[in-house]
Amino acid sequence: MPYVITAPCIGTKDTACVDVCPVDCIHPRKDEPEFASSQMLFIHPGECIDCGACLPACPVDAIYEAPDACPADQRLLVEANAVYRSGDAEAVAQADALVAEHIAAHPGLVKGGV
């Protein structure tokens, strides 16, 4: 699995990474219906081409180049990136549930105050 977005994005959803992504693999975008309800952004693992453009664009350092590079306390969010599929209500709900589980388990890590 390629790049993943983690906890610093929760409550922030800064779309600078979306703006630089050459393949539009970061969701939900502001024009997608899930944007308003989602607590964070996700990188679609099947669409990401591992270009790394998102990494320096992220103002909150929420993006890691691989799941193994993520801190151990971010594993639920790695899984959320893996399951999220824009436009697929069941996948969106599953990813959102993983984010909620992460927040409940690690409330001190959430910088966005969600």
Protein backbone atom coordinates (compact mmCIF):
# COMPACT_ATOMS: atom_id res chain seq x y z
CA MET A 1 0.00 0.00 0.00
CA PRO A 2 1.37 3.45 -0.87
CA TYR A 3 1.09 6.74 1.01
CA VAL A 4 -1.39 7.07 3.89
CA ILE A 5 -2.96 9.97 5.76
CA THR A 6 -3.00 9.87 9.56
CA ALA A 7 -4.31 11.62 12.69
CA PRO A 8 -3.05 15.20 12.16
CA CYS A 9 -5.55 15.44 9.29
CA ILE A 10 -8.50 14.73 11.58
CA GLY A 11 -10.51 17.92 11.93
CA THR A 12 -8.11 19.76 9.62
CA LYS A 13 -8.86 18.38 6.14
CA ASP A 14 -6.49 20.86 4.50
CA THR A 15 -6.69 20.10 0.79
CA ALA A 16 -3.23 21.30 -0.22
CA CYS A 17 -2.35 17.64 -0.85
CA VAL A 18 -5.39 17.25 -3.11
CA ASP A 19 -4.30 20.26 -5.17
CA VAL A 20 -0.88 18.77 -5.97
CA CYS A 21 -1.91 15.16 -6.56
CA PRO A 22 -1.47 14.39 -10.27
CA VAL A 23 -3.90 11.42 -10.22
CA ASP A 24 -6.63 12.70 -7.87
CA CYS A 25 -6.23 9.79 -5.45
CA ILE A 26 -6.93 11.80 -2.28
CA HIS A 27 -10.54 11.80 -1.15
CA PRO A 28 -12.94 13.20 -0.33
CA ARG A 29 -12.34 16.28 -2.42
CA LYS A 30 -14.31 19.43 -1.64
CA ASP A 31 -16.61 18.69 -4.59
CA GLU A 32 -17.47 15.18 -3.35
CA PRO A 33 -20.54 14.67 -1.15
CA GLU A 34 -18.56 12.91 1.60
CA PHE A 35 -16.33 15.94 2.23
CA ALA A 36 -18.67 17.65 4.69
CA SER A 37 -19.18 14.59 6.88
CA SER A 38 -15.71 13.07 6.70
CA GLN A 39 -13.38 13.85 9.58
CA MET A 40 -10.23 13.48 7.48
CA LEU A 41 -8.88 12.83 3.99
CA PHE A 42 -7.82 9.43 2.68
CA ILE A 43 -5.44 8.19 -0.04
CA HIS A 44 -6.93 5.54 -2.31
CA PRO A 45 -4.23 2.83 -2.44
CA GLY A 46 -5.21 1.61 -5.90
CA GLU A 47 -5.06 5.08 -7.42
CA CYS A 48 -1.88 6.38 -5.74
CA ILE A 49 1.19 6.23 -7.98
CA ASP A 50 3.71 6.82 -5.17
CA CYS A 51 4.86 10.12 -6.66
CA GLY A 52 5.27 11.79 -3.25
CA ALA A 53 3.83 15.16 -4.31
CA CYS A 54 1.44 15.14 -1.35
CA LEU A 55 4.10 14.70 1.31
CA PRO A 56 5.65 18.21 1.25
CA ALA A 57 2.26 19.81 0.51
CA CYS A 58 0.66 18.61 3.76
CA PRO A 59 0.81 21.50 6.25
CA VAL A 60 0.21 19.23 9.27
CA ASP A 61 2.62 16.38 8.44
CA ALA A 62 -0.19 13.83 8.35
CA ILE A 63 1.10 11.84 5.37
CA TYR A 64 3.48 8.88 5.56
CA GLU A 65 5.14 7.20 2.59
CA ALA A 66 4.10 3.70 3.66
CA PRO A 67 2.02 1.98 6.33
CA ASP A 68 5.18 0.65 7.97
CA ALA A 69 6.46 4.22 8.39
CA CYS A 70 3.40 5.24 10.43
CA PRO A 71 3.53 5.28 14.21
CA ALA A 72 1.99 2.17 15.76
CA ASP A 73 -0.85 4.21 17.25
CA GLN A 74 -2.01 5.14 13.73
CA ARG A 75 -2.76 1.60 12.48
CA LEU A 76 -6.54 2.08 12.47
CA LEU A 77 -6.08 5.06 10.17
CA VAL A 78 -3.87 3.02 7.85
CA GLU A 79 -6.75 0.58 7.59
CA ALA A 80 -9.20 3.46 7.03
CA ASN A 81 -7.12 4.62 4.04
CA ALA A 82 -7.17 1.07 2.70
CA VAL A 83 -10.97 0.74 2.80
CA TYR A 84 -12.14 4.25 1.88
CA ARG A 85 -13.68 4.48 -1.59
CA SER A 86 -15.29 7.75 -2.62
CA GLY A 87 -18.87 7.23 -3.76
CA ASP A 88 -19.17 3.83 -2.06
CA ALA A 89 -21.40 4.49 0.96
CA GLU A 90 -20.48 1.22 2.69
CA ALA A 91 -16.73 1.82 2.31
CA VAL A 92 -17.05 5.43 3.44
CA ALA A 93 -19.01 4.31 6.53
CA GLN A 94 -16.40 1.65 7.31
CA ALA A 95 -13.54 4.18 7.04
CA ASP A 96 -15.44 6.72 9.14
CA ALA A 97 -16.05 4.06 11.81
CA LEU A 98 -12.31 3.32 11.94
CA VAL A 99 -11.56 7.03 12.35
CA ALA A 100 -14.12 7.26 15.16
CA GLU A 101 -12.55 4.22 16.83
CA HIS A 102 -9.11 5.85 16.56
CA ILE A 103 -10.41 9.09 18.10
CA ALA A 104 -11.99 7.19 20.98
CA ALA A 105 -8.78 5.26 21.62
CA HIS A 106 -6.42 8.23 21.27
CA PRO A 107 -8.25 11.49 22.01
CA GLY A 108 -4.99 13.27 22.85
CA LEU A 109 -3.64 12.69 19.35
CA VAL A 110 -6.45 14.55 17.62
CA LYS A 111 -5.24 18.08 16.92
CA GLY A 112 -8.39 19.27 15.18
CA GLY A 113 -10.41 19.11 18.38
CA VAL A 114 -12.93 16.69 16.91
